Amino acid sequence: CMESNGGCSDICSFDGPLKVRCTCNANRKLINSSSTDCECKPGYEDISDEGICTAINPCSDDNGGCSDICTFISPGKHTCSCNANQQFLLESDLQCECLDGYDRVAGVCEPVNPCETENG
């Protein structure tokens, strides 16, 4: 471990005569079982190229693709939900539409006044 960190990219531990064991810093994992190199775990990214992996919050990038509400669950995971008086579009869990009897006004689904639309 004293020479070139035993070939390990993160942490080198002495594991017997002439044998080293490589482990990884927080939120990182070995690339494979025989590797000495580490990479970020799923849901984490190295934004500094310094081997420090930080949690990915999908909601911070384009609202996670959600048209309305994005809720962070865990690193790399999120869920979308709709505002009041809305439902998901058919076969979509990202995009919302107004319920029947409502129209979108300035981004909010408001009840339709039949007197205004049908002179009712």
C-alpha atoms as a PDB file:
ATOM      1  CA  CYS A   1       0.000   0.000   0.000  1.00  0.00           C
ATOM      2  CA  MET A   2       2.944   2.302   0.529  1.00  0.00           C
ATOM      3  CA  GLU A   3       3.919   2.234  -3.110  1.00  0.00           C
ATOM      4  CA  SER A   4       1.395   3.786  -5.533  1.00  0.00           C
ATOM      5  CA  ASN A   5      -1.387   3.081  -3.012  1.00  0.00           C
ATOM      6  CA  GLY A   6      -1.060  -0.629  -3.884  1.00  0.00           C
ATOM      7  CA  GLY A   7      -2.586   0.128  -7.274  1.00  0.00           C
ATOM      8  CA  CYS A   8      -5.906   1.024  -5.638  1.00  0.00           C
ATOM      9  CA  SER A   9      -7.764   4.107  -6.833  1.00  0.00           C
ATOM     10  CA  ASP A  10      -9.266   4.823  -3.386  1.00  0.00           C
ATOM     11  CA  ILE A  11      -8.341   2.865  -0.238  1.00  0.00           C
ATOM     12  CA  CYS A  12      -5.596   0.258   0.090  1.00  0.00           C
ATOM     13  CA  SER A  13      -5.477  -2.171   3.028  1.00  0.00           C
ATOM     14  CA  PHE A  14      -2.754  -4.687   3.805  1.00  0.00           C
ATOM     15  CA  ASP A  15      -4.353  -8.144   3.581  1.00  0.00           C
ATOM     16  CA  GLY A  16      -1.478 -10.525   4.278  1.00  0.00           C
ATOM     17  CA  PRO A  17       2.007 -11.081   2.860  1.00  0.00           C
ATOM     18  CA  LEU A  18       2.351  -9.220  -0.438  1.00  0.00           C
ATOM     19  CA  LYS A  19      -1.422  -8.935  -0.713  1.00  0.00           C
ATOM     20  CA  VAL A  20      -3.496  -5.781  -0.707  1.00  0.00           C
ATOM     21  CA  ARG A  21      -7.240  -5.249  -0.635  1.00  0.00           C
ATOM     22  CA  CYS A  22      -8.777  -2.291  -2.462  1.00  0.00           C
ATOM     23  CA  THR A  23     -11.946  -0.672  -1.147  1.00  0.00           C
ATOM     24  CA  CYS A  24     -13.770   2.491  -2.114  1.00  0.00           C
ATOM     25  CA  ASN A  25     -14.658   5.807  -0.553  1.00  0.00           C
ATOM     26  CA  ALA A  26     -18.240   6.671   0.426  1.00  0.00           C
ATOM     27  CA  ASN A  27     -20.880   6.260  -2.301  1.00  0.00           C
ATOM     28  CA  ARG A  28     -18.408   4.451  -4.569  1.00  0.00           C
ATOM     29  CA  LYS A  29     -17.944   0.783  -5.535  1.00  0.00           C
ATOM     30  CA  LEU A  30     -15.315  -1.330  -7.243  1.00  0.00           C
ATOM     31  CA  ILE A  31     -15.899  -1.479 -10.993  1.00  0.00           C
ATOM     32  CA  ASN A  32     -15.877  -5.302 -10.753  1.00  0.00           C
ATOM     33  CA  SER A  33     -14.696  -7.949  -8.278  1.00  0.00           C
ATOM     34  CA  SER A  34     -11.151  -8.087  -9.672  1.00  0.00           C
ATOM     35  CA  SER A  35     -10.761  -4.341 -10.166  1.00  0.00           C
ATOM     36  CA  THR A  36      -8.643  -1.890  -8.225  1.00  0.00           C
ATOM     37  CA  ASP A  37     -10.598   1.072  -9.605  1.00  0.00           C
ATOM     38  CA  CYS A  38     -13.745   2.580  -8.132  1.00  0.00           C
ATOM     39  CA  GLU A  39     -16.744   4.317  -9.680  1.00  0.00           C
ATOM     40  CA  CYS A  40     -19.808   6.059  -8.317  1.00  0.00           C
ATOM     41  CA  LYS A  41     -22.633   3.829  -7.127  1.00  0.00           C
ATOM     42  CA  PRO A  42     -25.925   4.032  -9.074  1.00  0.00           C
ATOM     43  CA  GLY A  43     -27.733   7.256  -8.207  1.00  0.00           C
ATOM     44  CA  TYR A  44     -24.476   9.125  -7.544  1.00  0.00           C
ATOM     45  CA  GLU A  45     -22.160  11.133  -9.777  1.00  0.00           C
ATOM     46  CA  ASP A  46     -18.655  12.544  -9.539  1.00  0.00           C
ATOM     47  CA  ILE A  47     -19.192  16.170 -10.456  1.00  0.00           C
ATOM     48  CA  SER A  48     -15.624  17.181  -9.604  1.00  0.00           C
ATOM     49  CA  ASP A  49     -13.590  14.319 -11.143  1.00  0.00           C
ATOM     50  CA  GLU A  50     -11.941  13.972  -7.731  1.00  0.00           C
ATOM     51  CA  GLY A  51     -13.579  10.689  -6.693  1.00  0.00           C
ATOM     52  CA  ILE A  52     -16.178  12.351  -4.478  1.00  0.00           C
ATOM     53  CA  CYS A  53     -19.596  11.001  -5.450  1.00  0.00           C
ATOM     54  CA  THR A  54     -22.650  13.085  -4.617  1.00  0.00           C
ATOM     55  CA  ALA A  55     -26.292  12.047  -4.767  1.00  0.00           C
ATOM     56  CA  ILE A  56     -28.163  12.745  -7.991  1.00  0.00           C
ATOM     57  CA  ASN A  57     -31.463  14.527  -7.403  1.00  0.00           C
ATOM     58  CA  PRO A  58     -33.442  13.975 -10.628  1.00  0.00           C
ATOM     59  CA  CYS A  59     -35.863  16.734  -9.591  1.00  0.00           C
ATOM     60  CA  SER A  60     -33.134  19.365  -9.900  1.00  0.00           C
ATOM     61  CA  ASP A  61     -32.746  18.697 -13.642  1.00  0.00           C
ATOM     62  CA  ASP A  62     -35.796  19.769 -15.681  1.00  0.00           C
ATOM     63  CA  ASN A  63     -38.073  18.922 -12.725  1.00  0.00           C
ATOM     64  CA  GLY A  64     -37.237  15.234 -13.266  1.00  0.00           C
ATOM     65  CA  GLY A  65     -39.287  15.320 -16.472  1.00  0.00           C
ATOM     66  CA  CYS A  66     -42.445  15.839 -14.399  1.00  0.00           C
ATOM     67  CA  SER A  67     -44.969  18.340 -15.675  1.00  0.00           C
ATOM     68  CA  ASP A  68     -46.139  19.219 -12.158  1.00  0.00           C
ATOM     69  CA  ILE A  69     -44.665  17.895  -8.884  1.00  0.00           C
ATOM     70  CA  CYS A  70     -41.344  16.043  -8.609  1.00  0.00           C
ATOM     71  CA  THR A  71     -40.559  14.308  -5.302  1.00  0.00           C
ATOM     72  CA  PHE A  72     -37.007  13.122  -4.516  1.00  0.00           C
ATOM     73  CA  ILE A  73     -37.097   9.576  -3.076  1.00  0.00           C
ATOM     74  CA  SER A  74     -33.443   8.549  -2.896  1.00  0.00           C
ATOM     75  CA  PRO A  75     -30.280   9.155  -4.934  1.00  0.00           C
ATOM     76  CA  GLY A  76     -31.220   8.837  -8.593  1.00  0.00           C
ATOM     77  CA  LYS A  77     -34.882   8.060  -7.837  1.00  0.00           C
ATOM     78  CA  HIS A  78     -37.965  10.256  -7.904  1.00  0.00           C
ATOM     79  CA  THR A  79     -41.694  10.178  -8.449  1.00  0.00           C
ATOM     80  CA  CYS A  80     -44.039  12.560 -10.237  1.00  0.00           C
ATOM     81  CA  SER A  81     -47.488  13.640  -9.107  1.00  0.00           C
ATOM     82  CA  CYS A  82     -50.138  16.010 -10.378  1.00  0.00           C
ATOM     83  CA  ASN A  83     -51.446  19.234  -8.891  1.00  0.00           C
ATOM     84  CA  ALA A  84     -55.072  19.522  -7.737  1.00  0.00           C
ATOM     85  CA  ASN A  85     -57.799  18.850 -10.321  1.00  0.00           C
ATOM     86  CA  GLN A  86     -55.384  16.987 -12.599  1.00  0.00           C
ATOM     87  CA  GLN A  87     -54.558  13.424 -13.569  1.00  0.00           C
ATOM     88  CA  PHE A  88     -51.750  11.741 -15.455  1.00  0.00           C
ATOM     89  CA  LEU A  89     -52.124  11.574 -19.208  1.00  0.00           C
ATOM     90  CA  LEU A  90     -53.072   8.110 -20.413  1.00  0.00           C
ATOM     91  CA  GLU A  91     -49.948   5.867 -20.399  1.00  0.00           C
ATOM     92  CA  SER A  92     -47.779   8.547 -18.769  1.00  0.00           C
ATOM     93  CA  ASP A  93     -46.436   8.934 -15.287  1.00  0.00           C
ATOM     94  CA  LEU A  94     -44.748  12.253 -16.038  1.00  0.00           C
ATOM     95  CA  GLN A  95     -47.281  14.505 -17.741  1.00  0.00           C
ATOM     96  CA  CYS A  96     -50.547  15.740 -16.212  1.00  0.00           C
ATOM     97  CA  GLU A  97     -53.753  17.069 -17.732  1.00  0.00           C
ATOM     98  CA  CYS A  98     -56.825  18.759 -16.290  1.00  0.00           C
ATOM     99  CA  LEU A  99     -59.699  16.538 -15.201  1.00  0.00           C
ATOM    100  CA  ASP A 100     -62.920  16.685 -17.200  1.00  0.00           C
ATOM    101  CA  GLY A 101     -64.770  19.881 -16.376  1.00  0.00           C
ATOM    102  CA  TYR A 102     -61.552  21.842 -15.781  1.00  0.00           C
ATOM    103  CA  ASP A 103     -59.407  24.029 -18.065  1.00  0.00           C
ATOM    104  CA  ARG A 104     -55.820  25.160 -17.542  1.00  0.00           C
ATOM    105  CA  VAL A 105     -55.660  28.867 -16.736  1.00  0.00           C
ATOM    106  CA  ALA A 106     -52.186  30.281 -16.025  1.00  0.00           C
ATOM    107  CA  GLY A 107     -50.872  26.793 -15.206  1.00  0.00           C
ATOM    108  CA  VAL A 108     -53.730  25.922 -12.811  1.00  0.00           C
ATOM    109  CA  CYS A 109     -56.741  23.739 -13.595  1.00  0.00           C
ATOM    110  CA  GLU A 110     -59.832  25.816 -12.870  1.00  0.00           C
ATOM    111  CA  PRO A 111     -63.460  24.616 -13.027  1.00  0.00           C
ATOM    112  CA  VAL A 112     -65.131  25.364 -16.327  1.00  0.00           C
ATOM    113  CA  ASN A 113     -68.028  27.798 -15.994  1.00  0.00           C
ATOM    114  CA  PRO A 114     -70.674  26.441 -18.382  1.00  0.00           C
ATOM    115  CA  CYS A 115     -72.289  29.872 -18.506  1.00  0.00           C
ATOM    116  CA  GLU A 116     -69.106  31.265 -20.105  1.00  0.00           C
ATOM    117  CA  THR A 117     -68.477  28.371 -22.484  1.00  0.00           C
ATOM    118  CA  GLU A 118     -72.010  27.361 -23.485  1.00  0.00           C
ATOM    119  CA  ASN A 119     -73.955  30.476 -22.524  1.00  0.00           C
ATOM    120  CA  GLY A 120     -75.682  28.154 -20.253  1.00  0.00           C
END
